[in-house]
Amino acid sequence: MRHTHLRHHVRRQNICFSRAVTVADAYALGLSPFGLLGLHHCYLGNWFFAVTYTLTLGLLGVGWLVDLFTMPLLVRRARERPAAGLGYAHKSVEFRHNF
């Protein structure tokens, strides 16, 4: 009887699920009364800007006004950001192959 050699190959792969943020939701939060307080930045995961907007009322309204024109870019950056922090799903998966 011939013995077959089984080799176990283990490969670790990080699977990052992108956040399901939408431009419409970001605009809805940004245009709400809490937009000047940075609620849309909380939604997008930009915690530095969220705190800054809260302390300065949207950079005295100037930053909030700029955000209204750059919201699609902010959403795209939030989607492309690596999975880390609140609002992100991160899962480490092991694949085992028998040869």
N, C-alpha and C. Protein backbone atom coordinates (compact mmCIF):
# COMPACT_ATOMS: atom_id res chain seq x y z
N MET A 1 0.84 -1.16 0.00
CA MET A 1 0.00 0.00 0.00
C MET A 1 0.89 1.24 0.00
N ARG A 2 0.61 2.08 -0.88
CA ARG A 2 1.42 3.28 -1.02
C ARG A 2 0.90 4.36 -0.09
N HIS A 3 1.82 4.98 0.65
CA HIS A 3 1.44 6.06 1.56
C HIS A 3 1.49 7.39 0.82
N THR A 4 0.48 8.11 0.97
CA THR A 4 0.51 9.46 0.40
C THR A 4 0.87 10.42 1.52
N HIS A 5 1.63 11.38 1.15
CA HIS A 5 2.04 12.38 2.12
C HIS A 5 1.05 13.53 2.09
N LEU A 6 0.59 13.82 3.25
CA LEU A 6 -0.32 14.96 3.37
C LEU A 6 0.47 16.14 3.91
N ARG A 7 0.42 17.16 3.20
CA ARG A 7 1.06 18.39 3.67
C ARG A 7 -0.03 19.38 4.01
N HIS A 8 0.12 19.98 5.11
CA HIS A 8 -0.85 20.99 5.52
C HIS A 8 -0.25 22.36 5.28
N HIS A 9 -0.90 23.09 4.45
CA HIS A 9 -0.48 24.46 4.19
C HIS A 9 -1.47 25.37 4.89
N VAL A 10 -0.93 26.18 5.72
CA VAL A 10 -1.78 27.13 6.45
C VAL A 10 -1.43 28.52 5.95
N ARG A 11 -2.43 29.19 5.55
CA ARG A 11 -2.23 30.56 5.06
C ARG A 11 -3.18 31.46 5.83
N ARG A 12 -2.63 32.50 6.42
CA ARG A 12 -3.45 33.48 7.13
C ARG A 12 -3.77 34.60 6.17
N GLN A 13 -5.02 34.95 6.15
CA GLN A 13 -5.42 36.04 5.28
C GLN A 13 -6.34 36.95 6.06
N ASN A 14 -6.12 38.23 5.93
CA ASN A 14 -6.99 39.21 6.57
C ASN A 14 -8.07 39.59 5.58
N ILE A 15 -9.29 39.45 6.01
CA ILE A 15 -10.43 39.84 5.20
C ILE A 15 -11.02 41.08 5.83
N CYS A 16 -11.03 42.15 5.10
CA CYS A 16 -11.54 43.42 5.61
C CYS A 16 -12.84 43.75 4.88
N PHE A 17 -13.86 43.94 5.62
CA PHE A 17 -15.14 44.31 5.04
C PHE A 17 -15.25 45.83 5.09
N SER A 18 -15.44 46.44 3.93
CA SER A 18 -15.51 47.90 3.90
C SER A 18 -16.82 48.36 4.52
N ARG A 19 -16.79 49.57 5.02
CA ARG A 19 -17.97 50.14 5.64
C ARG A 19 -18.98 50.47 4.57
N ALA A 20 -20.21 50.31 4.89
CA ALA A 20 -21.29 50.61 3.96
C ALA A 20 -21.77 52.04 4.19
N VAL A 21 -20.91 53.00 3.94
CA VAL A 21 -21.30 54.40 4.08
C VAL A 21 -21.80 54.90 2.73
N THR A 22 -22.78 55.76 2.77
CA THR A 22 -23.34 56.29 1.53
C THR A 22 -23.25 57.81 1.53
N VAL A 23 -23.22 58.35 0.34
CA VAL A 23 -23.16 59.80 0.19
C VAL A 23 -24.46 60.42 0.70
N ALA A 24 -25.58 59.76 0.42
CA ALA A 24 -26.87 60.30 0.86
C ALA A 24 -26.95 60.39 2.38
N ASP A 25 -26.50 59.37 3.07
CA ASP A 25 -26.52 59.40 4.55
C ASP A 25 -25.57 60.47 5.08
N ALA A 26 -24.41 60.60 4.46
CA ALA A 26 -23.44 61.61 4.91
C ALA A 26 -24.00 63.02 4.71
N TYR A 27 -24.67 63.25 3.57
CA TYR A 27 -25.30 64.55 3.35
C TYR A 27 -26.44 64.79 4.34
N ALA A 28 -27.23 63.76 4.61
CA ALA A 28 -28.34 63.91 5.56
C ALA A 28 -27.83 64.32 6.94
N LEU A 29 -26.74 63.71 7.38
CA LEU A 29 -26.17 64.07 8.68
C LEU A 29 -25.48 65.42 8.64
N GLY A 30 -24.81 65.72 7.52
CA GLY A 30 -24.11 66.99 7.40
C GLY A 30 -25.04 68.18 7.31
N LEU A 31 -26.21 67.98 6.71
CA LEU A 31 -27.17 69.07 6.57
C LEU A 31 -28.11 69.21 7.77
N SER A 32 -28.05 68.25 8.65
CA SER A 32 -28.88 68.33 9.86
C SER A 32 -28.30 69.42 10.78
N PRO A 33 -29.06 69.82 11.79
CA PRO A 33 -28.52 70.81 12.73
C PRO A 33 -27.22 70.35 13.41
N PHE A 34 -27.00 69.04 13.45
CA PHE A 34 -25.79 68.52 14.09
C PHE A 34 -24.61 68.47 13.12
N GLY A 35 -24.80 68.89 11.88
CA GLY A 35 -23.70 68.92 10.92
C GLY A 35 -22.60 69.87 11.33
N LEU A 36 -22.98 71.00 11.93
CA LEU A 36 -21.97 71.94 12.41
C LEU A 36 -21.16 71.37 13.57
N LEU A 37 -21.72 70.37 14.23
CA LEU A 37 -21.01 69.72 15.33
C LEU A 37 -20.19 68.50 14.86
N GLY A 38 -20.21 68.23 13.55
CA GLY A 38 -19.37 67.16 13.02
C GLY A 38 -19.97 65.78 13.03
N LEU A 39 -21.29 65.67 13.08
CA LEU A 39 -21.91 64.35 13.12
C LEU A 39 -21.59 63.54 11.86
N HIS A 40 -21.50 64.19 10.72
CA HIS A 40 -21.17 63.48 9.49
C HIS A 40 -19.74 62.94 9.54
N HIS A 41 -18.85 63.61 10.25
CA HIS A 41 -17.49 63.09 10.39
C HIS A 41 -17.45 61.89 11.33
N CYS A 42 -18.31 61.87 12.34
CA CYS A 42 -18.43 60.67 13.19
C CYS A 42 -18.88 59.49 12.35
N TYR A 43 -19.88 59.72 11.50
CA TYR A 43 -20.41 58.67 10.62
C TYR A 43 -19.33 58.13 9.68
N LEU A 44 -18.47 59.02 9.20
CA LEU A 44 -17.43 58.62 8.25
C LEU A 44 -16.18 58.09 8.93
N GLY A 45 -16.12 58.16 10.26
CA GLY A 45 -14.97 57.64 10.99
C GLY A 45 -13.82 58.61 11.11
N ASN A 46 -14.06 59.88 10.81
CA ASN A 46 -13.03 60.91 10.94
C ASN A 46 -13.13 61.53 12.33
N TRP A 47 -12.60 60.84 13.31
CA TRP A 47 -12.79 61.26 14.70
C TRP A 47 -12.07 62.56 15.03
N PHE A 48 -10.93 62.80 14.41
CA PHE A 48 -10.22 64.06 14.66
C PHE A 48 -11.08 65.24 14.22
N PHE A 49 -11.62 65.16 13.02
CA PHE A 49 -12.45 66.25 12.52
C PHE A 49 -13.78 66.34 13.28
N ALA A 50 -14.30 65.23 13.73
CA ALA A 50 -15.55 65.25 14.50
C ALA A 50 -15.36 66.05 15.79
N VAL A 51 -14.28 65.81 16.49
CA VAL A 51 -14.01 66.54 17.73
C VAL A 51 -13.69 68.01 17.42
N THR A 52 -12.92 68.24 16.38
CA THR A 52 -12.58 69.61 15.99
C THR A 52 -13.83 70.41 15.64
N TYR A 53 -14.73 69.81 14.86
CA TYR A 53 -15.97 70.49 14.49
C TYR A 53 -16.84 70.76 15.70
N THR A 54 -16.86 69.83 16.65
CA THR A 54 -17.67 70.01 17.85
C THR A 54 -17.15 71.19 18.67
N LEU A 55 -15.85 71.32 18.77
CA LEU A 55 -15.26 72.39 19.58
C LEU A 55 -15.29 73.76 18.89
N THR A 56 -15.35 73.78 17.54
CA THR A 56 -15.27 75.05 16.81
C THR A 56 -16.51 75.35 15.98
N LEU A 57 -17.58 74.58 16.19
CA LEU A 57 -18.81 74.73 15.39
C LEU A 57 -18.51 74.68 13.89
N GLY A 58 -17.92 73.58 13.49
CA GLY A 58 -17.64 73.38 12.07
C GLY A 58 -16.60 74.32 11.52
N LEU A 59 -15.58 74.57 12.31
CA LEU A 59 -14.53 75.53 11.94
C LEU A 59 -15.17 76.87 11.58
N LEU A 60 -16.06 77.30 12.48
CA LEU A 60 -16.81 78.55 12.33
C LEU A 60 -17.67 78.57 11.06
N GLY A 61 -18.10 77.38 10.65
CA GLY A 61 -18.98 77.27 9.49
C GLY A 61 -18.26 77.11 8.17
N VAL A 62 -17.00 77.49 8.11
CA VAL A 62 -16.24 77.41 6.86
C VAL A 62 -15.95 75.96 6.49
N GLY A 63 -15.50 75.17 7.45
CA GLY A 63 -15.22 73.76 7.19
C GLY A 63 -16.48 73.00 6.83
N TRP A 64 -17.57 73.33 7.49
CA TRP A 64 -18.85 72.69 7.19
C TRP A 64 -19.28 73.00 5.77
N LEU A 65 -19.09 74.23 5.32
CA LEU A 65 -19.45 74.64 3.96
C LEU A 65 -18.58 73.91 2.93
N VAL A 66 -17.30 73.78 3.21
CA VAL A 66 -16.40 73.05 2.31
C VAL A 66 -16.81 71.58 2.24
N ASP A 67 -17.20 71.01 3.37
CA ASP A 67 -17.62 69.60 3.39
C ASP A 67 -18.83 69.35 2.50
N LEU A 68 -19.70 70.31 2.37
CA LEU A 68 -20.87 70.12 1.52
C LEU A 68 -20.48 69.92 0.06
N PHE A 69 -19.37 70.49 -0.36
CA PHE A 69 -18.91 70.32 -1.74
C PHE A 69 -18.00 69.12 -1.91
N THR A 70 -17.38 68.67 -0.83
CA THR A 70 -16.42 67.56 -0.92
C THR A 70 -16.94 66.26 -0.30
N MET A 71 -18.24 66.20 -0.03
CA MET A 71 -18.80 65.02 0.63
C MET A 71 -18.55 63.72 -0.14
N PRO A 72 -18.72 63.67 -1.48
CA PRO A 72 -18.42 62.41 -2.19
C PRO A 72 -16.98 61.94 -2.00
N LEU A 73 -16.04 62.88 -1.96
CA LEU A 73 -14.64 62.52 -1.72
C LEU A 73 -14.44 61.98 -0.31
N LEU A 74 -15.08 62.60 0.67
CA LEU A 74 -14.97 62.13 2.06
C LEU A 74 -15.53 60.72 2.20
N VAL A 75 -16.65 60.45 1.52
CA VAL A 75 -17.25 59.11 1.60
C VAL A 75 -16.34 58.09 0.92
N ARG A 76 -15.78 58.44 -0.22
CA ARG A 76 -14.87 57.50 -0.91
C ARG A 76 -13.66 57.18 -0.04
N ARG A 77 -13.10 58.19 0.62
CA ARG A 77 -11.96 57.94 1.51
C ARG A 77 -12.35 57.06 2.70
N ALA A 78 -13.56 57.24 3.21
CA ALA A 78 -14.02 56.41 4.33
C ALA A 78 -14.17 54.96 3.89
N ARG A 79 -14.61 54.75 2.66
CA ARG A 79 -14.76 53.38 2.15
C ARG A 79 -13.41 52.72 1.90
N GLU A 80 -12.42 53.50 1.51
CA GLU A 80 -11.10 52.95 1.18
C GLU A 80 -10.19 52.81 2.39
N ARG A 81 -10.56 53.41 3.50
CA ARG A 81 -9.74 53.36 4.70
C ARG A 81 -9.61 51.92 5.18
N PRO A 82 -8.42 51.50 5.62
CA PRO A 82 -8.25 50.14 6.13
C PRO A 82 -9.17 49.88 7.32
N ALA A 83 -9.55 48.65 7.46
CA ALA A 83 -10.48 48.28 8.52
C ALA A 83 -9.80 48.39 9.88
N ALA A 84 -10.15 49.40 10.62
CA ALA A 84 -9.64 49.60 11.97
C ALA A 84 -10.54 50.59 12.67
N GLY A 85 -10.74 50.40 13.91
CA GLY A 85 -11.55 51.34 14.67
C GLY A 85 -13.03 50.99 14.67
N LEU A 86 -13.83 51.90 15.18
CA LEU A 86 -15.25 51.66 15.28
C LEU A 86 -15.92 51.66 13.92
N GLY A 87 -16.93 50.85 13.79
CA GLY A 87 -17.69 50.81 12.56
C GLY A 87 -17.11 49.91 11.49
N TYR A 88 -16.01 49.25 11.76
CA TYR A 88 -15.39 48.39 10.78
C TYR A 88 -15.48 46.95 11.26
N ALA A 89 -15.60 46.04 10.31
CA ALA A 89 -15.54 44.62 10.62
C ALA A 89 -14.17 44.11 10.20
N HIS A 90 -13.49 43.41 11.06
CA HIS A 90 -12.18 42.87 10.74
C HIS A 90 -12.18 41.42 11.18
N LYS A 91 -11.78 40.55 10.28
CA LYS A 91 -11.80 39.14 10.60
C LYS A 91 -10.53 38.51 10.06
N SER A 92 -9.86 37.75 10.88
CA SER A 92 -8.68 37.03 10.45
C SER A 92 -9.10 35.58 10.23
N VAL A 93 -8.82 35.06 9.05
CA VAL A 93 -9.29 33.73 8.67
C VAL A 93 -8.09 32.86 8.36
N GLU A 94 -8.15 31.62 8.79
CA GLU A 94 -7.11 30.66 8.45
C GLU A 94 -7.66 29.70 7.41
N PHE A 95 -6.92 29.50 6.34
CA PHE A 95 -7.30 28.53 5.32
C PHE A 95 -6.36 27.35 5.45
N ARG A 96 -6.90 26.18 5.52
CA ARG A 96 -6.09 24.96 5.60
C ARG A 96 -6.35 24.15 4.34
N HIS A 97 -5.26 23.77 3.68
CA HIS A 97 -5.36 23.00 2.46
C HIS A 97 -4.66 21.66 2.68
N ASN A 98 -5.28 20.60 2.29
CA ASN A 98 -4.67 19.28 2.35
C ASN A 98 -4.26 18.89 0.94
N PHE A 99 -2.98 18.56 0.79
CA PHE A 99 -2.49 18.13 -0.53
C PHE A 99 -2.02 16.71 -0.45
